Amino acid sequence: MKFEYLFLILLIISLFFDWRKYRKNVENAKGEEEIKQKFVPFLLSIILFLIFLVTLIF
């Protein structure tokens, strides 16, 4: 049980740094296609986080 919460904290920290990296990449992007390419990995990180939360709750 304790390992799940530790993993949750690590996942939140990772998601925070992914968000910062995404914002930096969007600011430096030159077009809409580059923004889409940067958004997909960030979206996958969010989906992974949500799946983990659901499995932790149920």
Protein backbone atom coordinates (compact mmCIF):
# COMPACT_ATOMS: atom_id res chain seq x y z
CA MET A 1 0.00 0.00 0.00
CA LYS A 2 2.81 2.44 0.81
CA PHE A 3 4.55 1.76 -2.49
CA GLU A 4 1.46 2.83 -4.39
CA TYR A 5 1.47 6.23 -2.74
CA LEU A 6 5.19 6.61 -3.33
CA PHE A 7 4.65 5.75 -6.97
CA LEU A 8 1.78 8.27 -7.10
CA ILE A 9 4.02 11.03 -5.76
CA LEU A 10 6.72 10.17 -8.27
CA LEU A 11 4.17 10.17 -11.07
CA ILE A 12 2.88 13.60 -10.02
CA ILE A 13 6.42 14.98 -9.99
CA SER A 14 7.06 13.48 -13.41
CA LEU A 15 3.82 14.94 -14.75
CA PHE A 16 4.81 18.37 -13.43
CA PHE A 17 8.13 18.28 -15.24
CA ASP A 18 6.46 16.98 -18.41
CA TRP A 19 4.07 19.94 -18.22
CA ARG A 20 6.96 22.40 -17.86
CA LYS A 21 8.75 20.80 -20.80
CA TYR A 22 5.54 20.92 -22.87
CA ARG A 23 5.04 24.63 -22.16
CA LYS A 24 8.62 25.40 -23.11
CA ASN A 25 8.31 23.42 -26.34
CA VAL A 26 5.03 25.11 -27.28
CA GLU A 27 6.57 28.54 -26.78
CA ASN A 28 9.42 27.59 -29.12
CA ALA A 29 7.20 25.85 -31.69
CA LYS A 30 7.01 27.43 -35.12
CA GLY A 31 3.74 26.01 -36.34
CA GLU A 32 0.61 24.13 -35.45
CA GLU A 33 2.09 20.79 -36.54
CA GLU A 34 5.00 21.15 -34.11
CA ILE A 35 2.57 21.93 -31.29
CA LYS A 36 0.61 18.76 -32.08
CA GLN A 37 3.83 16.73 -32.02
CA LYS A 38 4.67 18.10 -28.58
CA PHE A 39 1.15 17.62 -27.24
CA VAL A 40 0.85 13.88 -27.92
CA PRO A 41 3.53 12.73 -25.43
CA PHE A 42 2.14 15.11 -22.80
CA LEU A 43 -1.37 13.77 -23.37
CA LEU A 44 -0.12 10.20 -22.99
CA SER A 45 1.47 11.14 -19.66
CA ILE A 46 -1.85 12.55 -18.46
CA ILE A 47 -3.71 9.42 -19.58
CA LEU A 48 -1.19 7.22 -17.75
CA PHE A 49 -1.65 9.29 -14.61
CA LEU A 50 -5.44 9.02 -14.79
CA ILE A 51 -5.29 5.27 -15.33
CA PHE A 52 -3.08 4.90 -12.28
CA LEU A 53 -5.48 6.99 -10.20
CA VAL A 54 -8.41 4.84 -11.25
CA THR A 55 -6.55 1.64 -10.37
CA LEU A 56 -5.51 3.12 -7.03
CA ILE A 57 -9.09 4.03 -6.15
CA PHE A 58 -10.74 0.77 -7.26
